[in-house]
Amino acid sequence: MKKRFAVSTVLMSAALVLGTTTVWATTSTGTSTAKITFTTNEAPVIVDPDSPDPTNPYDPTGNGGNTPTGNTGPLTLDYAPNFDFGSNELRLDKSLFQAIDQKPFLQVTDRRVNPTQWEVTVKLGDFNDEGGNPSLAGSTLSIDAGTVQTLINVTGFTAPTTGDITLTPGDAGDAQTILASAEGTFSTWQIYWEGNGTDNDFIKLNVPVNVQMEGTHTATLDWTLTDVVN
């Protein structure tokens, strides 16, 4: 009887020790972070207006176009087009000339954290002949509304709007709005004035017959992107 009692006591003691260990178990915790930084230090990619794919940069200079601006920051004018009206025989019965450019476009990129309205205006300087003298007085440059488009697979933002404009050379107050957003438009946007294979129906220069002179005449277009304060 005594031996059996002793064994029973040992087993009961072991059970009590195990129970005590379970009751006093503890949990340890900690915290860490996941971090990413975005910058706007590089100029946005220029995209092909025929297939606006941001993974396939487009070089407009290789297609007779203008040099990209290289502008950096959260809201940028990336590219503005040249307009070439070609070589024309002087005729006394023709005053309207169409651009010969087949792929002119304007590109703006909005990468702002708190986007607001913005607009692009353009004005036309005086025409000058090859000697730097003023020329083609009374001319007007008409730019009709082109196609407004954005990058592939970018949705959820209201597209900017455009419309027909007419510019008078040398008029300091003649800046016209060519593209405008009613609200923030986080994306890259373009106006595309696609040619018809020979001329461009969207871009026209009206030169009075009596001021047409032999030689090349050049004017500067100034394009300005402005963040509109709401």
C-alpha atoms as a PDB file:
ATOM      1  CA  MET A   1       0.000   0.000   0.000  1.00  0.00           C
ATOM      2  CA  LYS A   2       2.755   2.458   0.783  1.00  0.00           C
ATOM      3  CA  LYS A   3       4.489   1.930  -2.571  1.00  0.00           C
ATOM      4  CA  ARG A   4       1.364   2.572  -4.532  1.00  0.00           C
ATOM      5  CA  PHE A   5       0.690   5.779  -2.630  1.00  0.00           C
ATOM      6  CA  ALA A   6       4.177   7.126  -3.319  1.00  0.00           C
ATOM      7  CA  VAL A   7       3.841   6.607  -7.096  1.00  0.00           C
ATOM      8  CA  SER A   8       0.503   8.350  -7.162  1.00  0.00           C
ATOM      9  CA  THR A   9       1.976  11.398  -5.424  1.00  0.00           C
ATOM     10  CA  VAL A  10       4.761  11.780  -8.002  1.00  0.00           C
ATOM     11  CA  LEU A  11       2.318  11.703 -10.913  1.00  0.00           C
ATOM     12  CA  MET A  12       0.116  14.357  -9.365  1.00  0.00           C
ATOM     13  CA  SER A  13       3.120  16.633  -8.820  1.00  0.00           C
ATOM     14  CA  ALA A  14       4.141  16.350 -12.466  1.00  0.00           C
ATOM     15  CA  ALA A  15       0.695  17.309 -13.617  1.00  0.00           C
ATOM     16  CA  LEU A  16       0.757  20.419 -11.469  1.00  0.00           C
ATOM     17  CA  VAL A  17       4.128  21.532 -12.865  1.00  0.00           C
ATOM     18  CA  LEU A  18       2.964  21.202 -16.496  1.00  0.00           C
ATOM     19  CA  GLY A  19      -0.218  23.136 -15.776  1.00  0.00           C
ATOM     20  CA  THR A  20       1.733  26.018 -14.292  1.00  0.00           C
ATOM     21  CA  THR A  21       3.948  26.375 -17.437  1.00  0.00           C
ATOM     22  CA  THR A  22       0.902  26.779 -19.759  1.00  0.00           C
ATOM     23  CA  VAL A  23      -0.710  29.534 -17.677  1.00  0.00           C
ATOM     24  CA  TRP A  24       2.391  31.831 -17.724  1.00  0.00           C
ATOM     25  CA  ALA A  25       3.178  31.702 -21.540  1.00  0.00           C
ATOM     26  CA  THR A  26       3.844  35.259 -23.059  1.00  0.00           C
ATOM     27  CA  THR A  27       3.667  36.923 -26.605  1.00  0.00           C
ATOM     28  CA  SER A  28       6.279  39.312 -28.135  1.00  0.00           C
ATOM     29  CA  THR A  29       5.407  41.929 -30.816  1.00  0.00           C
ATOM     30  CA  GLY A  30       7.209  44.508 -32.986  1.00  0.00           C
ATOM     31  CA  THR A  31       6.660  46.904 -35.892  1.00  0.00           C
ATOM     32  CA  SER A  32       8.487  47.684 -39.153  1.00  0.00           C
ATOM     33  CA  THR A  33       7.851  49.755 -42.314  1.00  0.00           C
ATOM     34  CA  ALA A  34       7.500  49.326 -46.068  1.00  0.00           C
ATOM     35  CA  LYS A  35       8.666  52.419 -47.981  1.00  0.00           C
ATOM     36  CA  ILE A  36       8.646  53.760 -51.567  1.00  0.00           C
ATOM     37  CA  THR A  37       9.558  57.176 -53.013  1.00  0.00           C
ATOM     38  CA  PHE A  38       8.302  58.768 -56.243  1.00  0.00           C
ATOM     39  CA  THR A  39      10.024  61.693 -57.976  1.00  0.00           C
ATOM     40  CA  THR A  40       9.397  63.917 -60.983  1.00  0.00           C
ATOM     41  CA  ASN A  41      13.047  64.668 -61.740  1.00  0.00           C
ATOM     42  CA  GLU A  42      13.015  63.202 -65.251  1.00  0.00           C
ATOM     43  CA  ALA A  43      11.139  64.497 -68.280  1.00  0.00           C
ATOM     44  CA  PRO A  44       8.096  62.396 -69.199  1.00  0.00           C
ATOM     45  CA  VAL A  45       8.390  60.009 -72.135  1.00  0.00           C
ATOM     46  CA  ILE A  46       7.232  61.335 -75.506  1.00  0.00           C
ATOM     47  CA  VAL A  47       4.733  58.873 -76.939  1.00  0.00           C
ATOM     48  CA  ASP A  48       3.740  58.136 -80.518  1.00  0.00           C
ATOM     49  CA  PRO A  49       0.311  59.713 -81.196  1.00  0.00           C
ATOM     50  CA  ASP A  50      -0.556  56.835 -83.537  1.00  0.00           C
ATOM     51  CA  SER A  51       0.056  54.263 -80.773  1.00  0.00           C
ATOM     52  CA  PRO A  52       0.524  56.067 -77.432  1.00  0.00           C
ATOM     53  CA  ASP A  53       2.415  53.368 -75.540  1.00  0.00           C
ATOM     54  CA  PRO A  54       4.571  54.760 -72.664  1.00  0.00           C
ATOM     55  CA  THR A  55       6.843  51.694 -72.788  1.00  0.00           C
ATOM     56  CA  ASN A  56       7.876  52.590 -76.347  1.00  0.00           C
ATOM     57  CA  PRO A  57       9.364  56.136 -76.400  1.00  0.00           C
ATOM     58  CA  TYR A  58       8.876  58.133 -79.602  1.00  0.00           C
ATOM     59  CA  ASP A  59      11.462  60.453 -81.194  1.00  0.00           C
ATOM     60  CA  PRO A  60       9.588  63.192 -83.086  1.00  0.00           C
ATOM     61  CA  THR A  61      12.844  64.701 -84.417  1.00  0.00           C
ATOM     62  CA  GLY A  62      13.382  61.557 -86.471  1.00  0.00           C
ATOM     63  CA  ASN A  63      10.073  62.244 -88.225  1.00  0.00           C
ATOM     64  CA  GLY A  64      10.668  65.894 -89.071  1.00  0.00           C
ATOM     65  CA  GLY A  65       9.193  67.145 -85.802  1.00  0.00           C
ATOM     66  CA  ASN A  66      10.319  69.522 -83.084  1.00  0.00           C
ATOM     67  CA  THR A  67      12.743  68.769 -80.240  1.00  0.00           C
ATOM     68  CA  PRO A  68      10.996  67.749 -76.954  1.00  0.00           C
ATOM     69  CA  THR A  69      11.106  70.433 -74.258  1.00  0.00           C
ATOM     70  CA  GLY A  70      12.809  68.235 -71.642  1.00  0.00           C
ATOM     71  CA  ASN A  71      10.747  69.926 -68.923  1.00  0.00           C
ATOM     72  CA  THR A  72      10.655  68.153 -65.540  1.00  0.00           C
ATOM     73  CA  GLY A  73       8.342  68.414 -62.531  1.00  0.00           C
ATOM     74  CA  PRO A  74       4.789  67.429 -61.595  1.00  0.00           C
ATOM     75  CA  LEU A  75       3.075  69.404 -64.406  1.00  0.00           C
ATOM     76  CA  THR A  76       4.916  69.701 -67.705  1.00  0.00           C
ATOM     77  CA  LEU A  77       4.569  70.766 -71.315  1.00  0.00           C
ATOM     78  CA  ASP A  78       6.492  67.895 -72.921  1.00  0.00           C
ATOM     79  CA  TYR A  79       6.270  68.621 -76.619  1.00  0.00           C
ATOM     80  CA  ALA A  80       4.993  71.340 -78.973  1.00  0.00           C
ATOM     81  CA  PRO A  81       4.809  70.945 -82.761  1.00  0.00           C
ATOM     82  CA  ASN A  82       6.376  72.825 -85.642  1.00  0.00           C
ATOM     83  CA  PHE A  83       4.117  73.676 -88.578  1.00  0.00           C
ATOM     84  CA  ASP A  84       5.574  73.545 -92.089  1.00  0.00           C
ATOM     85  CA  PHE A  85       3.562  74.886 -95.019  1.00  0.00           C
ATOM     86  CA  GLY A  86       6.041  73.727 -97.631  1.00  0.00           C
ATOM     87  CA  SER A  87       7.258  75.421-100.801  1.00  0.00           C
ATOM     88  CA  ASN A  88       4.555  77.101-102.870  1.00  0.00           C
ATOM     89  CA  GLU A  89       4.601  78.745-106.269  1.00  0.00           C
ATOM     90  CA  LEU A  90       3.562  82.412-106.066  1.00  0.00           C
ATOM     91  CA  ARG A  91       0.054  82.647-107.493  1.00  0.00           C
ATOM     92  CA  LEU A  92      -2.267  85.600-107.557  1.00  0.00           C
ATOM     93  CA  ASP A  93      -5.331  83.427-106.931  1.00  0.00           C
ATOM     94  CA  LYS A  94      -4.273  81.553-103.780  1.00  0.00           C
ATOM     95  CA  SER A  95      -4.097  82.823-100.218  1.00  0.00           C
ATOM     96  CA  LEU A  96      -4.925  79.720 -98.126  1.00  0.00           C
ATOM     97  CA  PHE A  97      -2.201  77.150 -97.476  1.00  0.00           C
ATOM     98  CA  GLN A  98      -2.401  73.882 -95.529  1.00  0.00           C
ATOM     99  CA  ALA A  99       0.438  72.486 -93.438  1.00  0.00           C
ATOM    100  CA  ILE A 100       2.224  69.485 -94.914  1.00  0.00           C
ATOM    101  CA  ASP A 101       2.951  67.920 -91.484  1.00  0.00           C
ATOM    102  CA  GLN A 102       1.388  64.485 -91.086  1.00  0.00           C
ATOM    103  CA  LYS A 103       2.017  63.939 -87.369  1.00  0.00           C
ATOM    104  CA  PRO A 104       1.920  67.205 -85.401  1.00  0.00           C
ATOM    105  CA  PHE A 105       0.836  66.888 -81.763  1.00  0.00           C
ATOM    106  CA  LEU A 106       0.958  68.644 -78.400  1.00  0.00           C
ATOM    107  CA  GLN A 107       1.780  66.695 -75.203  1.00  0.00           C
ATOM    108  CA  VAL A 108       1.189  67.571 -71.525  1.00  0.00           C
ATOM    109  CA  THR A 109       1.857  65.402 -68.453  1.00  0.00           C
ATOM    110  CA  ASP A 110       0.115  65.905 -65.084  1.00  0.00           C
ATOM    111  CA  ARG A 111       1.812  64.056 -62.179  1.00  0.00           C
ATOM    112  CA  ARG A 112       0.656  66.258 -59.292  1.00  0.00           C
ATOM    113  CA  VAL A 113      -0.378  64.969 -55.872  1.00  0.00           C
ATOM    114  CA  ASN A 114      -3.185  67.537 -55.607  1.00  0.00           C
ATOM    115  CA  PRO A 115      -4.155  68.219 -59.217  1.00  0.00           C
ATOM    116  CA  THR A 116      -6.135  71.321 -60.151  1.00  0.00           C
ATOM    117  CA  GLN A 117      -7.207  72.939 -63.408  1.00  0.00           C
ATOM    118  CA  TRP A 118      -4.620  73.770 -66.043  1.00  0.00           C
ATOM    119  CA  GLU A 119      -4.517  75.216 -69.550  1.00  0.00           C
ATOM    120  CA  VAL A 120      -2.171  75.554 -72.507  1.00  0.00           C
ATOM    121  CA  THR A 121      -2.157  78.808 -74.465  1.00  0.00           C
ATOM    122  CA  VAL A 122      -0.335  79.618 -77.692  1.00  0.00           C
ATOM    123  CA  LYS A 123       0.505  82.852 -79.478  1.00  0.00           C
ATOM    124  CA  LEU A 124       2.161  83.599 -82.805  1.00  0.00           C
ATOM    125  CA  GLY A 125       5.039  86.034 -83.278  1.00  0.00           C
ATOM    126  CA  ASP A 126       5.694  88.145 -86.374  1.00  0.00           C
ATOM    127  CA  PHE A 127       6.765  86.494 -89.573  1.00  0.00           C
ATOM    128  CA  ASN A 128      10.233  87.464 -90.735  1.00  0.00           C
ATOM    129  CA  ASP A 129      11.988  86.921 -94.052  1.00  0.00           C
ATOM    130  CA  GLU A 130      15.449  85.404 -94.416  1.00  0.00           C
ATOM    131  CA  GLY A 131      17.024  88.797 -93.695  1.00  0.00           C
ATOM    132  CA  GLY A 132      15.131  89.163 -90.419  1.00  0.00           C
ATOM    133  CA  ASN A 133      12.725  91.759 -91.757  1.00  0.00           C
ATOM    134  CA  PRO A 134       8.997  91.672 -90.845  1.00  0.00           C
ATOM    135  CA  SER A 135       6.883  90.031 -93.543  1.00  0.00           C
ATOM    136  CA  LEU A 136       3.483  88.540 -94.401  1.00  0.00           C
ATOM    137  CA  ALA A 137       1.520  91.317 -92.674  1.00  0.00           C
ATOM    138  CA  GLY A 138      -2.150  90.539 -92.211  1.00  0.00           C
ATOM    139  CA  SER A 139      -1.692  86.770 -92.195  1.00  0.00           C
ATOM    140  CA  THR A 140      -3.567  84.468 -89.810  1.00  0.00           C
ATOM    141  CA  LEU A 141      -2.826  80.937 -88.593  1.00  0.00           C
ATOM    142  CA  SER A 142      -5.827  78.672 -87.936  1.00  0.00           C
ATOM    143  CA  ILE A 143      -5.580  75.545 -85.785  1.00  0.00           C
ATOM    144  CA  ASP A 144      -8.728  73.456 -85.750  1.00  0.00           C
ATOM    145  CA  ALA A 145      -9.663  71.163 -82.862  1.00  0.00           C
ATOM    146  CA  GLY A 146      -7.730  67.914 -83.078  1.00  0.00           C
ATOM    147  CA  THR A 147      -8.162  64.589 -81.281  1.00  0.00           C
ATOM    148  CA  VAL A 148      -7.555  64.646 -77.508  1.00  0.00           C
ATOM    149  CA  GLN A 149      -6.121  61.334 -76.300  1.00  0.00           C
ATOM    150  CA  THR A 150      -4.261  59.832 -73.341  1.00  0.00           C
ATOM    151  CA  LEU A 151      -1.996  56.902 -72.543  1.00  0.00           C
ATOM    152  CA  ILE A 152      -3.246  53.356 -72.972  1.00  0.00           C
ATOM    153  CA  ASN A 153      -5.014  51.850 -69.912  1.00  0.00           C
ATOM    154  CA  VAL A 154      -5.218  55.161 -68.010  1.00  0.00           C
ATOM    155  CA  THR A 155      -8.849  55.732 -67.021  1.00  0.00           C
ATOM    156  CA  GLY A 156     -10.922  57.521 -64.394  1.00  0.00           C
ATOM    157  CA  PHE A 157     -10.030  61.098 -65.332  1.00  0.00           C
ATOM    158  CA  THR A 158     -12.021  63.623 -67.350  1.00  0.00           C
ATOM    159  CA  ALA A 159     -10.237  64.420 -70.609  1.00  0.00           C
ATOM    160  CA  PRO A 160      -9.103  68.010 -71.281  1.00  0.00           C
ATOM    161  CA  THR A 161     -10.911  69.877 -74.030  1.00  0.00           C
ATOM    162  CA  THR A 162      -9.776  71.742 -77.120  1.00  0.00           C
ATOM    163  CA  GLY A 163     -11.351  73.890 -79.818  1.00  0.00           C
ATOM    164  CA  ASP A 164     -10.711  75.870 -83.000  1.00  0.00           C
ATOM    165  CA  ILE A 165      -8.430  78.905 -82.667  1.00  0.00           C
ATOM    166  CA  THR A 166      -7.088  81.611 -85.002  1.00  0.00           C
ATOM    167  CA  LEU A 167      -3.818  83.412 -84.287  1.00  0.00           C
ATOM    168  CA  THR A 168      -2.678  86.816 -85.550  1.00  0.00           C
ATOM    169  CA  PRO A 169       1.109  87.262 -85.862  1.00  0.00           C
ATOM    170  CA  GLY A 170       2.756  89.668 -83.453  1.00  0.00           C
ATOM    171  CA  ASP A 171      -0.303  90.433 -81.352  1.00  0.00           C
ATOM    172  CA  ALA A 172       0.934  90.262 -77.744  1.00  0.00           C
ATOM    173  CA  GLY A 173      -2.608  89.857 -76.446  1.00  0.00           C
ATOM    174  CA  ASP A 174      -3.531  87.188 -78.961  1.00  0.00           C
ATOM    175  CA  ALA A 175      -2.636  84.130 -76.842  1.00  0.00           C
ATOM    176  CA  GLN A 176      -5.399  81.566 -77.330  1.00  0.00           C
ATOM    177  CA  THR A 177      -6.285  78.561 -75.165  1.00  0.00           C
ATOM    178  CA  ILE A 178      -5.594  75.397 -77.152  1.00  0.00           C
ATOM    179  CA  LEU A 179      -6.065  72.771 -74.393  1.00  0.00           C
ATOM    180  CA  ALA A 180      -7.720  73.052 -70.971  1.00  0.00           C
ATOM    181  CA  SER A 181      -8.641  70.765 -68.086  1.00  0.00           C
ATOM    182  CA  ALA A 182     -11.721  71.372 -65.960  1.00  0.00           C
ATOM    183  CA  GLU A 183     -10.151  69.405 -63.090  1.00  0.00           C
ATOM    184  CA  GLY A 184      -7.104  67.330 -62.220  1.00  0.00           C
ATOM    185  CA  THR A 185      -6.052  64.975 -65.001  1.00  0.00           C
ATOM    186  CA  PHE A 186      -3.337  62.661 -63.665  1.00  0.00           C
ATOM    187  CA  SER A 187      -1.930  61.286 -66.923  1.00  0.00           C
ATOM    188  CA  THR A 188      -0.170  62.229 -70.137  1.00  0.00           C
ATOM    189  CA  TRP A 189      -2.435  63.939 -72.680  1.00  0.00           C
ATOM    190  CA  GLN A 190      -2.077  64.856 -76.341  1.00  0.00           C
ATOM    191  CA  ILE A 191      -3.854  66.814 -79.044  1.00  0.00           C
ATOM    192  CA  TYR A 192      -3.209  65.023 -82.320  1.00  0.00           C
ATOM    193  CA  TRP A 193      -3.737  66.803 -85.635  1.00  0.00           C
ATOM    194  CA  GLU A 194      -3.381  63.855 -88.000  1.00  0.00           C
ATOM    195  CA  GLY A 195      -2.596  64.590 -91.651  1.00  0.00           C
ATOM    196  CA  ASN A 196      -4.536  63.255 -94.622  1.00  0.00           C
ATOM    197  CA  GLY A 197      -1.508  61.746 -96.358  1.00  0.00           C
ATOM    198  CA  THR A 198      -0.672  64.862 -98.366  1.00  0.00           C
ATOM    199  CA  ASP A 199      -1.702  67.946 -96.408  1.00  0.00           C
ATOM    200  CA  ASN A 200      -3.109  68.638 -92.963  1.00  0.00           C
ATOM    201  CA  ASP A 201      -6.757  69.711 -92.868  1.00  0.00           C
ATOM    202  CA  PHE A 202      -6.399  70.998 -89.285  1.00  0.00           C
ATOM    203  CA  ILE A 203      -3.585  73.548 -89.785  1.00  0.00           C
ATOM    204  CA  LYS A 204      -4.037  76.451 -92.241  1.00  0.00           C
ATOM    205  CA  LEU A 205      -2.165  79.669 -92.971  1.00  0.00           C
ATOM    206  CA  ASN A 206      -3.972  82.512 -94.695  1.00  0.00           C
ATOM    207  CA  VAL A 207      -1.561  84.925 -96.438  1.00  0.00           C
ATOM    208  CA  PRO A 208      -3.022  87.864 -98.389  1.00  0.00           C
ATOM    209  CA  VAL A 209      -1.905  87.736-102.005  1.00  0.00           C
ATOM    210  CA  ASN A 210      -0.488  91.262-101.960  1.00  0.00           C
ATOM    211  CA  VAL A 211       2.041  90.451 -99.166  1.00  0.00           C
ATOM    212  CA  GLN A 212       3.347  87.169-100.565  1.00  0.00           C
ATOM    213  CA  MET A 213       7.055  87.551-101.365  1.00  0.00           C
ATOM    214  CA  GLU A 214       9.668  85.138-102.664  1.00  0.00           C
ATOM    215  CA  GLY A 215      11.776  83.460 -99.976  1.00  0.00           C
ATOM    216  CA  THR A 216      11.272  81.660 -96.665  1.00  0.00           C
ATOM    217  CA  HIS A 217       9.245  83.327 -93.927  1.00  0.00           C
ATOM    218  CA  THR A 218       9.354  82.119 -90.314  1.00  0.00           C
ATOM    219  CA  ALA A 219       7.403  82.959 -87.165  1.00  0.00           C
ATOM    220  CA  THR A 220       7.728  81.638 -83.611  1.00  0.00           C
ATOM    221  CA  LEU A 221       4.894  79.937 -81.740  1.00  0.00           C
ATOM    222  CA  ASP A 222       5.020  80.353 -77.947  1.00  0.00           C
ATOM    223  CA  TRP A 223       3.192  77.626 -75.994  1.00  0.00           C
ATOM    224  CA  THR A 224       2.530  78.129 -72.260  1.00  0.00           C
ATOM    225  CA  LEU A 225       1.188  75.600 -69.750  1.00  0.00           C
ATOM    226  CA  THR A 226      -0.334  77.234 -66.656  1.00  0.00           C
ATOM    227  CA  ASP A 227      -1.657  75.743 -63.408  1.00  0.00           C
ATOM    228  CA  VAL A 228      -4.979  77.531 -62.953  1.00  0.00           C
ATOM    229  CA  VAL A 229      -5.598  78.631 -59.344  1.00  0.00           C
ATOM    230  CA  ASN A 230      -9.074  77.527 -58.211  1.00  0.00           C
END
